[in-house]
Amino acid sequence: MPQAITAVYENGVFIPQMPVDLPQHTAVIISLPTVSRSKTGQRFSALLQEPLTAEQIVIPSRDELHER
């Protein structure tokens, strides 16, 4: 029977937040929620840009600053 547990991802490892009754080296399937960093990043960028836009200051994007 499937069991849901809560775990924290830290330094490349999932750490269960409760005891898990599994033998060592048992393979498991982990379903991850969709985490969107772009919304947070866009919101943060917008907050930074507001006073700059009001003063008509333009800051180039990372891609514009660095050649690929």
Protein backbone atom coordinates (compact mmCIF):
# COMPACT_ATOMS: atom_id res chain seq x y z
CA MET A 1 0.00 0.00 0.00
CA PRO A 2 1.45 3.44 -0.93
CA GLN A 3 2.53 5.62 1.95
CA ALA A 4 2.99 9.38 1.85
CA ILE A 5 5.76 10.93 3.92
CA THR A 6 7.11 14.44 4.33
CA ALA A 7 10.77 14.96 3.53
CA VAL A 8 13.13 17.92 3.25
CA TYR A 9 15.56 18.18 0.34
CA GLU A 10 18.95 19.25 1.66
CA ASN A 11 22.41 18.98 0.08
CA GLY A 12 21.16 16.60 -2.61
CA VAL A 13 19.44 14.22 -0.18
CA PHE A 14 15.78 13.77 0.80
CA ILE A 15 15.55 13.61 4.61
CA PRO A 16 12.31 12.05 5.95
CA GLN A 17 10.63 14.08 8.68
CA MET A 18 9.28 10.95 10.40
CA PRO A 19 10.55 7.38 10.88
CA VAL A 20 10.23 5.21 7.75
CA ASP A 21 9.92 1.44 8.13
CA LEU A 22 11.90 0.26 5.08
CA PRO A 23 14.85 -2.10 4.72
CA GLN A 24 18.18 -0.45 3.79
CA HIS A 25 18.71 0.16 0.05
CA THR A 26 15.00 -0.12 -0.78
CA ALA A 27 14.22 1.69 -4.04
CA VAL A 28 11.34 4.16 -3.78
CA ILE A 29 9.49 6.43 -6.17
CA ILE A 30 9.27 10.07 -5.10
CA SER A 31 6.63 12.35 -6.63
CA LEU A 32 7.66 15.99 -6.48
CA PRO A 33 5.36 19.00 -6.58
CA THR A 34 5.92 21.54 -9.32
CA VAL A 35 8.03 24.33 -7.85
CA SER A 36 8.10 27.52 -9.85
CA ARG A 37 10.97 29.80 -9.01
CA SER A 38 10.28 32.02 -11.97
CA LYS A 39 7.23 33.67 -10.37
CA THR A 40 9.17 34.54 -7.24
CA GLY A 41 12.13 35.71 -9.30
CA GLN A 42 9.91 37.80 -11.57
CA ARG A 43 8.18 39.38 -8.58
CA PHE A 44 11.50 40.19 -6.93
CA SER A 45 12.85 41.63 -10.17
CA ALA A 46 9.73 43.75 -10.60
CA LEU A 47 10.11 45.14 -7.09
CA LEU A 48 13.71 46.06 -7.84
CA GLN A 49 12.86 47.57 -11.21
CA GLU A 50 10.01 49.85 -10.04
CA PRO A 51 12.17 52.68 -8.64
CA LEU A 52 14.66 52.28 -11.49
CA THR A 53 11.94 52.50 -14.11
CA ALA A 54 10.56 55.64 -12.46
CA GLU A 55 14.02 57.22 -12.83
CA GLN A 56 14.38 55.82 -16.39
CA ILE A 57 17.42 53.74 -15.45
CA VAL A 58 17.90 50.61 -17.55
CA ILE A 59 19.90 47.66 -16.23
CA PRO A 60 20.91 45.08 -18.85
CA SER A 61 19.86 41.48 -18.29
CA ARG A 62 22.35 38.77 -17.39
CA ASP A 63 22.25 37.47 -20.96
CA GLU A 64 23.00 40.94 -22.29
CA LEU A 65 26.00 41.25 -19.98
CA HIS A 66 27.54 37.83 -20.64
CA GLU A 67 28.48 36.33 -23.96
CA ARG A 68 27.48 32.74 -24.45
